[in-house]
């Protein structure tokens, strides 16, 4: 996407946040404007986070953004081509291990589906497979508004208990890292959009998935080098204290008491962080940005095979686990990084989110807490109102929270901001 046709007057634009949304905004605007990007963390990239691990300490492993495809990530992959980012094919498959291995299966192939041999003789298992086909065929017809919940969708389609307990709730839990009890009240549209975007509703199967060779750090390195060549000022390790809007533009206040003046600002951080940083936010900003909830998710990079299904045949790229503890269902997700990033399986590597059982401490390489948006009904309604505050008081908002929470969604939000700035410049003074 080209923004070369912008007006000749270069504006001073501040970007707050150095994840994909902020970096993409800088990528789109730096050719035609004087851009300064602030990031509180010492590194840029946000959820594009690569850790060097493995038994020899030489294996790059992604712990946030891992995979993409060329169908549903058009903006991101266009930038990858421009930057000559090296990529390799990935494998995306789903599996589940529930009740300490009482029910296990994988969806990679028939062998994984019946990896637990008892599944062959379980009528309920065949009914679950039948319900999966029914859901894929009819879910979009039922989820026609954001008022329809996942629970209502299940009831309308008359989907059985096994489908709910051992397929739908596991996938929902894996997507949102949310307990099953809460998921039934989530908007069905969020679920259907995820399935559609990942080709899970398609009879022809998934899209081909890809991963960055050498880890996502490779694209971040190339992107930051290009931004610096374009004259963009990148300031990792520079937290913003607050953002003050004035009649003349915007002032960025830093912790050391200094101020820097800009014509416009793009808030490319989480919505709650944006609201916290804005001095004197408007009522509309408070209502929209404050409506979105976030959830902490513990990430552990490790080589503990106990986090995978008990039956090796059920091992999949993306494994949901659920166990009952004190009358409460705890859920977790484990990513098999060897399969996702083409790593030699003799050097087992896994990324677990909220593991249901502790990972053995001597098998841990890295730990971090990520914050993810919760896409409930309030969040969807807030997304629909974001246009009302875009560009007001010379302030714009970008972030993956404005759509589905994925890397492409952050980039798409940056495209909308850049287009908004472009359109405003074309209006005669």
Foldseek 3Di string as FASTA:
>chain_A
DAPVPFDQDAFEEEEEAQALLRLLLLVHRLLRYAYEYEAQAQDGHAQQDWAQDFPVSHATFRQGFWKDFCPLQVLVVVLCVVLVFAKDFFFAWEWEAEAQNPDIAIDRDVCRRCLPVCLVVDPVNVLLVVLLLLCLVCVVVPLPDQQQFQLNSCVVSVRDDCNLPPPPLLVVCLQFVDFSVPRRQFGSVLVVVVCVSQVVSPPVDGGTMMGGAVGSVRVVVSSVVVSVVSNYHYHYSWHWQAWEQDPQAIWTAGPVGDIDGTRAYEHADQLVVNVNRYDPDDPLSCLLSVLWDKDKKKKWKFQFCSLARPRPSNGGQKYKYWHDDPNGIRIKIKGFRCRGRVNPVVGTIIMMIRRPDDDPPVGTDDMDIDMFIDRGSSLQVSLVCQVVCACPSRYHYAYLSSGNGHSSSRSVRSVVNSVVVSVVSPDDD
